C-alpha cells in the first residue's frame, strides 16, 4: 500500500482550503452545507485479512456516516466482481448481493467487472440495486448499456451535485470486455461535467476507474471539482487548491471520507458557489465489523471452506504475493507458478503476468499451502495455453512486460526457463538487454514453445506478440490453478526462491 501526499496535501488533507468556482462571495452568503463523500474501490475480499479491510468493516464506516448525516454520498469506484475466491464459483454474484445490502449511491465499473465477459457483466449489473454510471462505455452500436447512465444530479442539503462516471478506458486490454467500447476518460468526463453545470449542478464529481496518469490529467484539465478514483490500489489524497483527487487503496483497508463545505449565494445568473474540502482517513483495523454484514459474509465463507481448506504442499521457504512484489521484480511465488506452467505443460519456457497473482499475502516457511491459497492467488479462472513463437516475439513480449514497471502494472512478467537481463530505467522498448534460454542467447528466428495463460495469448496486458495460430488447444481447457496445485502436490515441499531470473542492471 502506498500512501502518497502530493504538494499542498497537508493543507488539503487535514485543514480546510477553499476553491471559488464562479466569483467571490458577498456578505450575505448562506450557512455552509457539509456534504460527505465516502469512497471505496478495488474490493476483492469479502472479509477482513489480518484484522483489517473487508465489507463488514466498510459497512460500519458507511452506516455510521449515514447515521451521523443525511448529506452522505457513498461512491464505489470499481473492481469488485472479480478476482476473489468466491468469484471463481459464482462470477461475482456474491459481491452484488453484499453491496445490495450496503448500496452505493454511485457505482462505476472497473476493468475486473468484465473478467467473465460482457454477458456476465450485463447480468450482474442487472442484479444491482444501485446506480451504475459510465459515460465512456457503449455497446458495439454506440448505445448506452441497459441500466446504465452517463451522469446524474442528486441533491444533498439543498446542494445540487452533478456526478459523472467513467470506466477504465483501456479495459479491453486488461479484461474480457468483448465488443464493448471505451472512450477516452478525460475528454468524456470534462464534457459531461460541463453539461452538468449547464443543467444546474452546483458542484461536479467524477467517479472514475483510472490509472495514475489519467488521474493527473483529470486534475490538470479541471475536469470536475472532486475526483473519486480507483484502480491503482493507492491511498491517495491530492488537492491543488482547485481540484480534489482521492483514492482509498484496496479491499477497504482504508476508507477515505471527503467532507466538502459548500456555500451558495444568490439565484439564477447571480448564483455563486464556493467549496472547501477536509479529509478523514479511516484505518479499518480500528473499526468494529458490522454484525449484519459479517453474518452475510460468513454464510458465503462456510460454503467455500468445504472445498478449499485442503492441504496441497508445505512451504520450505517464504512466499510473498503482495502487489509491489509480483509487479515490481522477480518473485518467488511467480517462479513457482511459472515453473508449474512450464513443467506441467512440457514447454521450454513460461511467461505469466504478475497482475494475475492476486492474494496480496505473505507466507512463512513451514506454512501449509492449500487449495484456498492457490485459488486466491489465481482467482481469474485463466487457462493454461502453450504457444509457439519466435525468439523475436518473446523479446517483444518481455519488453512489453517491463514497459510499465514504474507504475506497478500487472503486465510485469514472472518467468521460467529463461534468464533476462534488463535496465528498468531505460526508455520503454529498449529495456531488455539479454535473454538466455537453456544457458544460450535466445535465437530471434527460432520457434520456442511458451506456456502462458489464455488471457495473455489473446493479447491481454499488451502481450500481442504471444498471440499465435500455433497456440495448442489440448491444454486450453486446463486451469492454471490446477497446474499449480498438481505441481505443488508432486514436489511436496515448495522451496521456490528469487534466483536471478530477471536481473535489473542500471
Foldseek 3Di string as FASTA:
>chain_A
DAEDADPCRVCAAAHKFKAWDPDDDDPDWDFWDKAKEKEAEAAADQCDDPLFFHDQLVLQVLVVVVVVFVRYAYEYLEHYQDDALCCLPVSRLLVQVLCLVVPGQEYEYELNCQQVEQVVSLVSLVSHPHAYAAQFKAALVRHDRPRHYQWDWDDGPNATEIEGEHYEQVSVQAHHHDNMHGDDDQVRLLVSQVVVVVVPHQFYEYRYAYAPVSVVVNVVVPSGQEYEYDPLLYQYWYDDSGHTYGYQRHSPQKMKMKIKTKIWDDDDPPIIIMIIIYMDMDRSSPGDGNVVSVVSVVVSVVVVCVPWAAFQFFEQAKFFLALLQLLQDAGLVLQLLFVLLCVVVVFQKEKEWSLQQAQRDIGGHGDTDINNNLCRRRRSQWFKKKAKAFPQLVLVLQLLLLQPSVSSDRSNIHMPQKAWEFASPDHRPHTTDFMDGPNHTGDRGDIGIYMYTPSVLVCHSNSPSNPDPRIDPVRRNHTSSVSSSVVNNVVRYRHGGDDRRYHHDD
